[in-house]
N, C-alpha and C. Protein backbone atom coordinates (compact mmCIF):
# COMPACT_ATOMS: atom_id res chain seq x y z
N UNK A 1 -83.44 260.53 18.37
CA UNK A 1 -82.23 259.96 18.89
C UNK A 1 -81.06 260.95 18.79
N UNK A 2 -80.98 261.65 17.66
CA UNK A 2 -79.92 262.63 17.46
C UNK A 2 -80.06 263.77 18.46
N UNK A 3 -81.30 264.19 18.71
CA UNK A 3 -81.53 265.26 19.68
C UNK A 3 -81.12 264.84 21.09
N UNK A 4 -81.33 263.59 21.43
CA UNK A 4 -80.94 263.08 22.74
C UNK A 4 -79.42 263.11 22.90
N UNK A 5 -78.70 262.74 21.87
CA UNK A 5 -77.24 262.75 21.92
C UNK A 5 -76.73 264.18 22.01
N UNK A 6 -77.30 265.07 21.21
CA UNK A 6 -76.91 266.48 21.26
C UNK A 6 -77.21 267.07 22.63
N UNK A 7 -78.36 266.73 23.18
CA UNK A 7 -78.72 267.20 24.53
C UNK A 7 -77.76 266.69 25.58
N UNK A 8 -77.37 265.41 25.49
CA UNK A 8 -76.43 264.83 26.46
C UNK A 8 -75.07 265.50 26.34
N UNK A 9 -74.61 265.76 25.12
CA UNK A 9 -73.33 266.43 24.92
C UNK A 9 -73.37 267.87 25.45
N UNK A 10 -74.48 268.54 25.21
CA UNK A 10 -74.62 269.91 25.72
C UNK A 10 -74.60 269.92 27.24
N UNK A 11 -75.30 268.98 27.86
CA UNK A 11 -75.31 268.90 29.33
C UNK A 11 -73.92 268.60 29.86
N UNK A 12 -73.21 267.67 29.21
CA UNK A 12 -71.85 267.34 29.64
C UNK A 12 -70.94 268.55 29.49
N UNK A 13 -71.07 269.26 28.37
CA UNK A 13 -70.27 270.47 28.16
C UNK A 13 -70.54 271.52 29.21
N UNK A 14 -71.81 271.69 29.55
CA UNK A 14 -72.18 272.66 30.58
C UNK A 14 -71.53 272.31 31.91
N UNK A 15 -71.59 271.04 32.31
CA UNK A 15 -71.02 270.64 33.59
C UNK A 15 -69.50 270.74 33.60
N UNK A 16 -68.87 270.45 32.49
CA UNK A 16 -67.41 270.61 32.41
C UNK A 16 -67.05 272.09 32.56
N UNK A 17 -67.82 272.95 31.90
CA UNK A 17 -67.58 274.39 32.03
C UNK A 17 -67.74 274.84 33.47
N UNK A 18 -68.78 274.37 34.17
CA UNK A 18 -69.02 274.72 35.58
C UNK A 18 -67.87 274.27 36.46
N UNK A 19 -67.36 273.07 36.23
CA UNK A 19 -66.24 272.55 37.02
C UNK A 19 -65.00 273.41 36.80
N UNK A 20 -64.75 273.79 35.56
CA UNK A 20 -63.59 274.65 35.27
C UNK A 20 -63.72 276.01 35.95
N UNK A 21 -64.91 276.59 35.94
CA UNK A 21 -65.14 277.88 36.59
C UNK A 21 -64.94 277.77 38.11
N UNK A 22 -65.36 276.66 38.69
CA UNK A 22 -65.15 276.45 40.13
C UNK A 22 -63.66 276.36 40.43
N UNK A 23 -62.91 275.69 39.57
CA UNK A 23 -61.46 275.60 39.74
C UNK A 23 -60.80 276.97 39.63
N UNK A 24 -61.27 277.76 38.68
CA UNK A 24 -60.75 279.12 38.50
C UNK A 24 -61.02 279.97 39.75
N UNK A 25 -62.22 279.86 40.29
CA UNK A 25 -62.57 280.61 41.50
C UNK A 25 -61.69 280.18 42.67
N UNK A 26 -61.44 278.89 42.79
CA UNK A 26 -60.59 278.39 43.87
C UNK A 26 -59.16 278.92 43.72
N UNK A 27 -58.65 278.96 42.50
CA UNK A 27 -57.31 279.51 42.27
C UNK A 27 -57.25 280.98 42.64
N UNK A 28 -58.29 281.74 42.29
CA UNK A 28 -58.32 283.16 42.62
C UNK A 28 -58.33 283.38 44.12
N UNK A 29 -59.11 282.56 44.84
CA UNK A 29 -59.13 282.67 46.30
C UNK A 29 -57.76 282.36 46.88
N UNK A 30 -57.10 281.36 46.34
CA UNK A 30 -55.76 281.02 46.79
C UNK A 30 -54.78 282.15 46.55
N UNK A 31 -54.90 282.80 45.40
CA UNK A 31 -54.03 283.94 45.09
C UNK A 31 -54.29 285.10 46.03
N UNK A 32 -55.57 285.35 46.36
CA UNK A 32 -55.90 286.42 47.29
C UNK A 32 -55.31 286.13 48.67
N UNK A 33 -55.40 284.88 49.10
CA UNK A 33 -54.83 284.51 50.40
C UNK A 33 -53.32 284.71 50.39
N UNK A 34 -52.67 284.37 49.29
CA UNK A 34 -51.22 284.58 49.19
C UNK A 34 -50.88 286.07 49.21
N UNK A 35 -51.71 286.91 48.58
CA UNK A 35 -51.49 288.35 48.61
C UNK A 35 -51.54 288.87 50.04
N UNK A 36 -52.54 288.43 50.80
CA UNK A 36 -52.68 288.88 52.20
C UNK A 36 -51.49 288.40 53.02
N UNK A 37 -51.11 287.14 52.87
CA UNK A 37 -49.98 286.61 53.63
C UNK A 37 -48.69 287.34 53.27
N UNK A 38 -48.48 287.58 51.98
CA UNK A 38 -47.27 288.29 51.56
C UNK A 38 -47.23 289.71 52.09
N UNK A 39 -48.34 290.41 52.03
CA UNK A 39 -48.39 291.78 52.54
C UNK A 39 -48.19 291.80 54.05
N UNK A 40 -48.80 290.86 54.75
CA UNK A 40 -48.65 290.80 56.21
C UNK A 40 -47.19 290.54 56.58
N UNK A 41 -46.55 289.63 55.86
CA UNK A 41 -45.13 289.35 56.14
C UNK A 41 -44.28 290.59 55.87
N UNK A 42 -44.53 291.26 54.77
CA UNK A 42 -43.75 292.45 54.42
C UNK A 42 -43.88 293.54 55.48
N UNK A 43 -45.06 293.62 56.09
CA UNK A 43 -45.30 294.64 57.12
C UNK A 43 -44.86 294.19 58.51
N UNK A 44 -44.53 292.91 58.64
CA UNK A 44 -44.16 292.39 59.95
C UNK A 44 -45.36 292.14 60.85
N UNK A 45 -46.54 292.03 60.25
CA UNK A 45 -47.77 291.79 61.01
C UNK A 45 -47.81 290.33 61.43
N UNK A 46 -48.01 290.11 62.72
CA UNK A 46 -48.12 288.75 63.25
C UNK A 46 -49.43 288.64 64.01
N UNK A 47 -50.22 287.67 63.63
CA UNK A 47 -51.48 287.43 64.34
C UNK A 47 -51.16 286.64 65.61
N UNK A 48 -51.68 287.14 66.73
CA UNK A 48 -51.46 286.46 68.01
C UNK A 48 -52.51 285.38 68.21
N UNK A 49 -52.10 284.31 68.85
CA UNK A 49 -53.03 283.21 69.13
C UNK A 49 -54.10 283.67 70.11
N UNK A 50 -55.31 283.18 69.92
CA UNK A 50 -56.45 283.47 70.80
C UNK A 50 -56.76 284.97 70.92
N UNK A 51 -56.44 285.71 69.88
CA UNK A 51 -56.69 287.15 69.85
C UNK A 51 -57.28 287.51 68.50
N UNK A 52 -58.24 288.42 68.50
CA UNK A 52 -58.80 288.88 67.23
C UNK A 52 -57.69 289.55 66.43
N UNK A 53 -57.67 289.34 65.11
CA UNK A 53 -56.60 289.94 64.30
C UNK A 53 -56.47 291.46 64.46
N UNK A 54 -57.58 292.16 64.62
CA UNK A 54 -57.50 293.62 64.78
C UNK A 54 -56.78 294.00 66.07
N UNK A 55 -56.88 293.15 67.08
CA UNK A 55 -56.20 293.42 68.34
C UNK A 55 -54.72 293.06 68.29
N UNK A 56 -54.28 292.46 67.17
CA UNK A 56 -52.87 292.13 66.99
C UNK A 56 -52.09 293.26 66.31
N UNK A 57 -52.79 294.31 65.91
CA UNK A 57 -52.12 295.43 65.23
C UNK A 57 -51.22 296.16 66.23
N UNK A 58 -49.95 296.35 65.82
CA UNK A 58 -48.99 297.08 66.64
C UNK A 58 -48.55 298.39 66.00
N UNK A 59 -48.96 298.61 64.77
CA UNK A 59 -48.53 299.78 64.01
C UNK A 59 -49.71 300.73 63.81
N UNK A 60 -49.63 301.95 64.35
CA UNK A 60 -50.74 302.90 64.16
C UNK A 60 -51.05 303.17 62.69
N UNK A 61 -50.04 303.13 61.82
CA UNK A 61 -50.28 303.37 60.40
C UNK A 61 -51.17 302.28 59.80
N UNK A 62 -50.96 301.03 60.22
CA UNK A 62 -51.81 299.94 59.74
C UNK A 62 -53.23 300.11 60.28
N UNK A 63 -53.36 300.54 61.52
CA UNK A 63 -54.69 300.78 62.09
C UNK A 63 -55.40 301.92 61.36
N UNK A 64 -54.67 302.97 61.02
CA UNK A 64 -55.24 304.09 60.26
C UNK A 64 -55.71 303.60 58.89
N UNK A 65 -54.86 302.84 58.22
CA UNK A 65 -55.20 302.34 56.89
C UNK A 65 -56.42 301.43 56.93
N UNK A 66 -56.45 300.51 57.89
CA UNK A 66 -57.59 299.59 57.99
C UNK A 66 -58.87 300.35 58.32
N UNK A 67 -58.78 301.34 59.19
CA UNK A 67 -59.96 302.16 59.52
C UNK A 67 -60.45 302.92 58.29
N UNK A 68 -59.51 303.47 57.53
CA UNK A 68 -59.88 304.19 56.30
C UNK A 68 -60.52 303.24 55.29
N UNK A 69 -60.02 302.02 55.19
CA UNK A 69 -60.62 301.03 54.28
C UNK A 69 -62.06 300.75 54.70
N UNK A 70 -62.27 300.57 56.01
CA UNK A 70 -63.62 300.30 56.51
C UNK A 70 -64.53 301.49 56.23
N UNK A 71 -64.03 302.70 56.45
CA UNK A 71 -64.81 303.91 56.22
C UNK A 71 -65.21 304.03 54.75
N UNK A 72 -64.28 303.72 53.87
CA UNK A 72 -64.54 303.78 52.43
C UNK A 72 -65.61 302.76 52.03
N UNK A 73 -65.60 301.59 52.68
CA UNK A 73 -66.52 300.51 52.31
C UNK A 73 -67.90 300.62 52.96
N UNK A 74 -68.13 301.63 53.76
CA UNK A 74 -69.43 301.76 54.43
C UNK A 74 -70.59 301.84 53.44
N UNK A 75 -70.34 302.36 52.26
CA UNK A 75 -71.41 302.49 51.26
C UNK A 75 -71.27 301.46 50.14
N UNK A 76 -70.67 300.33 50.42
CA UNK A 76 -70.50 299.29 49.41
C UNK A 76 -69.04 299.18 49.01
N UNK A 77 -68.77 298.19 48.18
CA UNK A 77 -67.39 297.98 47.74
C UNK A 77 -66.93 299.16 46.89
N UNK A 78 -65.74 299.68 47.18
CA UNK A 78 -65.25 300.85 46.45
C UNK A 78 -64.75 300.47 45.05
N UNK A 79 -64.78 301.44 44.16
CA UNK A 79 -64.25 301.23 42.81
C UNK A 79 -62.72 301.28 42.86
N UNK A 80 -62.10 300.89 41.77
CA UNK A 80 -60.64 300.94 41.66
C UNK A 80 -60.17 302.39 41.82
N UNK A 81 -60.91 303.34 41.27
CA UNK A 81 -60.53 304.75 41.37
C UNK A 81 -60.61 305.23 42.83
N UNK A 82 -61.63 304.79 43.56
CA UNK A 82 -61.75 305.15 44.97
C UNK A 82 -60.57 304.59 45.77
N UNK A 83 -60.19 303.37 45.47
CA UNK A 83 -59.06 302.76 46.17
C UNK A 83 -57.76 303.48 45.84
N UNK A 84 -57.59 303.88 44.60
CA UNK A 84 -56.39 304.62 44.22
C UNK A 84 -56.35 305.99 44.89
N UNK A 85 -57.50 306.65 44.99
CA UNK A 85 -57.55 307.94 45.67
C UNK A 85 -57.23 307.78 47.16
N UNK A 86 -57.73 306.70 47.76
CA UNK A 86 -57.41 306.43 49.17
C UNK A 86 -55.91 306.18 49.33
N UNK A 87 -55.33 305.41 48.43
CA UNK A 87 -53.89 305.14 48.50
C UNK A 87 -53.09 306.43 48.38
N UNK A 88 -53.52 307.32 47.52
CA UNK A 88 -52.84 308.61 47.36
C UNK A 88 -52.95 309.43 48.64
N UNK A 89 -54.12 309.48 49.23
CA UNK A 89 -54.32 310.23 50.47
C UNK A 89 -53.48 309.65 51.60
N UNK A 90 -53.47 308.32 51.71
CA UNK A 90 -52.68 307.68 52.77
C UNK A 90 -51.19 307.91 52.55
N UNK A 91 -50.74 307.85 51.30
CA UNK A 91 -49.33 308.09 51.00
C UNK A 91 -48.92 309.48 51.46
N UNK A 92 -49.78 310.45 51.21
CA UNK A 92 -49.50 311.83 51.61
C UNK A 92 -49.54 312.00 53.13
N UNK A 93 -50.59 311.51 53.77
CA UNK A 93 -50.76 311.72 55.21
C UNK A 93 -49.77 310.93 56.06
N UNK A 94 -49.44 309.72 55.61
CA UNK A 94 -48.53 308.88 56.40
C UNK A 94 -47.08 309.05 55.97
N UNK A 95 -46.84 309.82 54.91
CA UNK A 95 -45.49 310.04 54.38
C UNK A 95 -44.79 308.70 54.19
N UNK A 96 -45.45 307.82 53.46
CA UNK A 96 -44.94 306.48 53.25
C UNK A 96 -44.85 306.19 51.76
N UNK A 97 -44.24 305.05 51.44
CA UNK A 97 -44.12 304.67 50.03
C UNK A 97 -45.43 304.07 49.54
N UNK A 98 -45.64 304.15 48.25
CA UNK A 98 -46.86 303.60 47.65
C UNK A 98 -46.93 302.08 47.85
N UNK A 99 -45.79 301.41 47.78
CA UNK A 99 -45.76 299.95 47.97
C UNK A 99 -46.22 299.58 49.37
N UNK A 100 -45.70 300.28 50.37
CA UNK A 100 -46.10 299.98 51.74
C UNK A 100 -47.59 300.28 51.95
N UNK A 101 -48.07 301.37 51.38
CA UNK A 101 -49.49 301.71 51.50
C UNK A 101 -50.35 300.62 50.87
N UNK A 102 -49.96 300.14 49.70
CA UNK A 102 -50.74 299.08 49.04
C UNK A 102 -50.75 297.81 49.87
N UNK A 103 -49.62 297.48 50.49
CA UNK A 103 -49.57 296.31 51.37
C UNK A 103 -50.47 296.50 52.58
N UNK A 104 -50.44 297.71 53.16
CA UNK A 104 -51.31 297.98 54.31
C UNK A 104 -52.78 297.94 53.90
N UNK A 105 -53.09 298.37 52.69
CA UNK A 105 -54.48 298.32 52.23
C UNK A 105 -54.96 296.87 52.05
N UNK A 106 -54.07 296.00 51.59
CA UNK A 106 -54.43 294.58 51.44
C UNK A 106 -54.73 293.99 52.81
N UNK A 107 -53.83 294.22 53.77
CA UNK A 107 -54.04 293.71 55.12
C UNK A 107 -55.25 294.39 55.76
N UNK A 108 -55.41 295.69 55.51
CA UNK A 108 -56.56 296.42 56.05
C UNK A 108 -57.87 295.86 55.56
N UNK A 109 -57.94 295.53 54.29
CA UNK A 109 -59.17 294.94 53.72
C UNK A 109 -59.46 293.60 54.37
N UNK A 110 -58.41 292.81 54.60
CA UNK A 110 -58.57 291.52 55.28
C UNK A 110 -59.07 291.73 56.71
N UNK A 111 -58.52 292.73 57.40
CA UNK A 111 -58.96 293.01 58.77
C UNK A 111 -60.43 293.43 58.81
N UNK A 112 -60.86 294.23 57.85
CA UNK A 112 -62.28 294.62 57.78
C UNK A 112 -63.14 293.38 57.62
N UNK A 113 -62.70 292.48 56.77
CA UNK A 113 -63.44 291.23 56.56
C UNK A 113 -63.47 290.39 57.84
N UNK A 114 -62.37 290.34 58.56
CA UNK A 114 -62.31 289.57 59.81
C UNK A 114 -63.20 290.17 60.89
N UNK A 115 -63.47 291.45 60.79
CA UNK A 115 -64.36 292.13 61.75
C UNK A 115 -65.83 291.98 61.36
N UNK A 116 -66.11 291.25 60.31
CA UNK A 116 -67.47 291.02 59.81
C UNK A 116 -68.12 292.26 59.21
N UNK A 117 -67.33 293.04 58.51
CA UNK A 117 -67.88 294.19 57.80
C UNK A 117 -67.33 295.51 58.27
N UNK A 118 -67.62 296.56 57.51
CA UNK A 118 -67.02 297.86 57.81
C UNK A 118 -67.51 298.51 59.11
N UNK A 119 -68.79 298.38 59.43
CA UNK A 119 -69.30 299.05 60.64
C UNK A 119 -68.66 298.49 61.91
N UNK A 120 -68.67 297.17 62.12
CA UNK A 120 -67.99 296.66 63.32
C UNK A 120 -66.48 296.91 63.27
N UNK A 121 -65.92 296.93 62.06
CA UNK A 121 -64.48 297.17 61.94
C UNK A 121 -64.11 298.57 62.40
N UNK A 122 -64.93 299.55 62.07
CA UNK A 122 -64.65 300.94 62.48
C UNK A 122 -64.50 301.00 64.00
N UNK A 123 -65.45 300.43 64.72
CA UNK A 123 -65.41 300.48 66.18
C UNK A 123 -64.19 299.77 66.72
N UNK A 124 -63.96 298.55 66.26
CA UNK A 124 -62.85 297.75 66.78
C UNK A 124 -61.50 298.39 66.43
N UNK A 125 -61.36 298.84 65.20
CA UNK A 125 -60.08 299.43 64.77
C UNK A 125 -59.84 300.79 65.43
N UNK A 126 -60.89 301.57 65.63
CA UNK A 126 -60.73 302.86 66.32
C UNK A 126 -60.29 302.64 67.77
N UNK A 127 -60.86 301.63 68.42
CA UNK A 127 -60.43 301.31 69.80
C UNK A 127 -58.96 300.91 69.82
N UNK A 128 -58.55 300.09 68.85
CA UNK A 128 -57.16 299.67 68.79
C UNK A 128 -56.25 300.86 68.51
N UNK A 129 -56.66 301.73 67.61
CA UNK A 129 -55.87 302.92 67.29
C UNK A 129 -55.75 303.83 68.52
N UNK A 130 -56.83 303.96 69.28
CA UNK A 130 -56.79 304.79 70.50
C UNK A 130 -55.79 304.22 71.50
N UNK A 131 -55.73 302.89 71.60
CA UNK A 131 -54.76 302.27 72.52
C UNK A 131 -53.33 302.45 72.04
N UNK A 132 -53.14 302.42 70.73
CA UNK A 132 -51.79 302.55 70.18
C UNK A 132 -51.28 303.99 70.22
N UNK A 133 -52.15 304.93 69.80
CA UNK A 133 -51.71 306.32 69.68
C UNK A 133 -52.92 307.24 69.56
N UNK A 134 -53.27 307.91 70.64
CA UNK A 134 -54.43 308.81 70.62
C UNK A 134 -54.24 309.96 69.64
N UNK A 135 -53.02 310.38 69.43
CA UNK A 135 -52.75 311.48 68.50
C UNK A 135 -52.92 311.09 67.04
N UNK A 136 -53.06 309.80 66.76
CA UNK A 136 -53.20 309.34 65.38
C UNK A 136 -54.50 309.81 64.74
N UNK A 137 -55.46 310.23 65.55
CA UNK A 137 -56.71 310.74 64.99
C UNK A 137 -56.43 311.95 64.10
N UNK A 138 -55.41 312.73 64.45
CA UNK A 138 -55.06 313.91 63.65
C UNK A 138 -54.54 313.51 62.28
N UNK A 139 -54.02 312.30 62.15
CA UNK A 139 -53.60 311.78 60.85
C UNK A 139 -54.76 311.13 60.12
N UNK A 140 -55.63 310.45 60.87
CA UNK A 140 -56.76 309.75 60.27
C UNK A 140 -57.80 310.71 59.70
N UNK A 141 -58.06 311.79 60.41
CA UNK A 141 -59.13 312.72 60.02
C UNK A 141 -58.98 313.27 58.60
N UNK A 142 -57.79 313.75 58.18
CA UNK A 142 -57.68 314.23 56.79
C UNK A 142 -57.93 313.14 55.74
N UNK A 143 -57.57 311.90 56.07
CA UNK A 143 -57.81 310.79 55.14
C UNK A 143 -59.31 310.57 54.99
N UNK A 144 -60.03 310.56 56.12
CA UNK A 144 -61.48 310.39 56.08
C UNK A 144 -62.14 311.57 55.37
N UNK A 145 -61.60 312.76 55.57
CA UNK A 145 -62.11 313.95 54.88
C UNK A 145 -61.94 313.81 53.36
N UNK A 146 -60.78 313.30 52.94
CA UNK A 146 -60.55 313.09 51.50
C UNK A 146 -61.56 312.10 50.92
N UNK A 147 -61.87 311.06 51.68
CA UNK A 147 -62.87 310.07 51.23
C UNK A 147 -64.22 310.75 51.04
N UNK A 148 -64.61 311.56 52.03
CA UNK A 148 -65.89 312.25 51.95
C UNK A 148 -65.96 313.24 50.80
N UNK A 149 -64.88 313.99 50.58
CA UNK A 149 -64.86 314.96 49.49
C UNK A 149 -64.94 314.28 48.14
N UNK A 150 -64.28 313.16 48.00
CA UNK A 150 -64.30 312.44 46.72
C UNK A 150 -65.71 311.95 46.40
N UNK A 151 -66.45 311.56 47.43
CA UNK A 151 -67.81 311.05 47.22
C UNK A 151 -68.84 312.18 47.13
N UNK A 152 -68.40 313.41 47.28
CA UNK A 152 -69.34 314.53 47.22
C UNK A 152 -70.04 314.77 48.55
N UNK A 153 -69.45 314.33 49.62
CA UNK A 153 -70.03 314.49 50.95
C UNK A 153 -70.16 313.15 51.65
N UNK A 154 -70.27 313.21 52.96
CA UNK A 154 -70.37 311.99 53.75
C UNK A 154 -71.79 311.43 53.71
N UNK A 155 -71.87 310.12 53.69
CA UNK A 155 -73.18 309.45 53.78
C UNK A 155 -73.59 309.41 55.25
N UNK A 156 -74.82 309.03 55.50
CA UNK A 156 -75.29 308.92 56.89
C UNK A 156 -74.47 307.89 57.66
N UNK A 157 -74.16 306.78 57.02
CA UNK A 157 -73.36 305.75 57.69
C UNK A 157 -71.96 306.26 58.01
N UNK A 158 -71.39 307.06 57.12
CA UNK A 158 -70.06 307.61 57.37
C UNK A 158 -70.10 308.66 58.48
N UNK A 159 -71.17 309.46 58.54
CA UNK A 159 -71.31 310.42 59.65
C UNK A 159 -71.42 309.68 60.98
N UNK A 160 -72.21 308.61 61.00
CA UNK A 160 -72.34 307.80 62.22
C UNK A 160 -70.99 307.21 62.62
N UNK A 161 -70.23 306.76 61.62
CA UNK A 161 -68.91 306.18 61.89
C UNK A 161 -67.96 307.23 62.45
N UNK A 162 -68.02 308.45 61.92
CA UNK A 162 -67.18 309.53 62.45
C UNK A 162 -67.52 309.83 63.90
N UNK A 163 -68.82 309.83 64.21
CA UNK A 163 -69.25 310.05 65.60
C UNK A 163 -68.75 308.92 66.48
N UNK A 164 -68.79 307.70 65.97
CA UNK A 164 -68.30 306.54 66.72
C UNK A 164 -66.80 306.65 66.97
N UNK A 165 -66.05 307.06 65.95
CA UNK A 165 -64.60 307.23 66.10
C UNK A 165 -64.31 308.32 67.13
N UNK A 166 -65.02 309.43 67.05
CA UNK A 166 -64.82 310.53 68.01
C UNK A 166 -65.13 310.07 69.43
N UNK A 167 -66.18 309.26 69.59
CA UNK A 167 -66.54 308.75 70.91
C UNK A 167 -65.44 307.83 71.45
N UNK A 168 -64.96 306.93 70.59
CA UNK A 168 -63.90 306.00 71.01
C UNK A 168 -62.63 306.77 71.37
N UNK A 169 -62.31 307.79 70.59
CA UNK A 169 -61.10 308.58 70.84
C UNK A 169 -61.33 309.63 71.93
N UNK A 170 -62.57 309.66 72.45
CA UNK A 170 -62.96 310.59 73.52
C UNK A 170 -62.74 312.04 73.10
N UNK A 171 -63.22 312.34 71.89
CA UNK A 171 -63.08 313.70 71.36
C UNK A 171 -64.36 314.51 71.49
N UNK A 172 -65.49 313.83 71.68
CA UNK A 172 -66.76 314.58 71.74
C UNK A 172 -67.26 314.69 73.15
């Protein structure tokens, strides 16, 4: 009888713990959504109705940042150090403030997610960047080079993505 009561209490405790963890996860998702909304507002990004979010980009710097985020994520989710190195490279190449770069990286990560992953995002974002500013490739290339150097060379997926970007920008 004592074992049955202890077992019932343990089961109840387990389920209470699971419910609390689900609540914590929901709060974290809400905070992430608020981060994206806040960064988008700060950048003046407005999503157009009946248009894919990537096609709503009006700022070449945001398109460069989102493309770089997708390129970085081609081999899996990047570490905090990889993200910091990307932010440093973008700050240098775009001659922008660290705060603005971090906001663009938040929105860029969201855009990659909206494109259903880094590979489709590269194509869609490169097309958008080509429409906004064909000369922006000269700014994007050093950022992508920094990503490759940090990783000790480009992966096969990153080489394919570079070829895709060159094709979209009509460079090859």
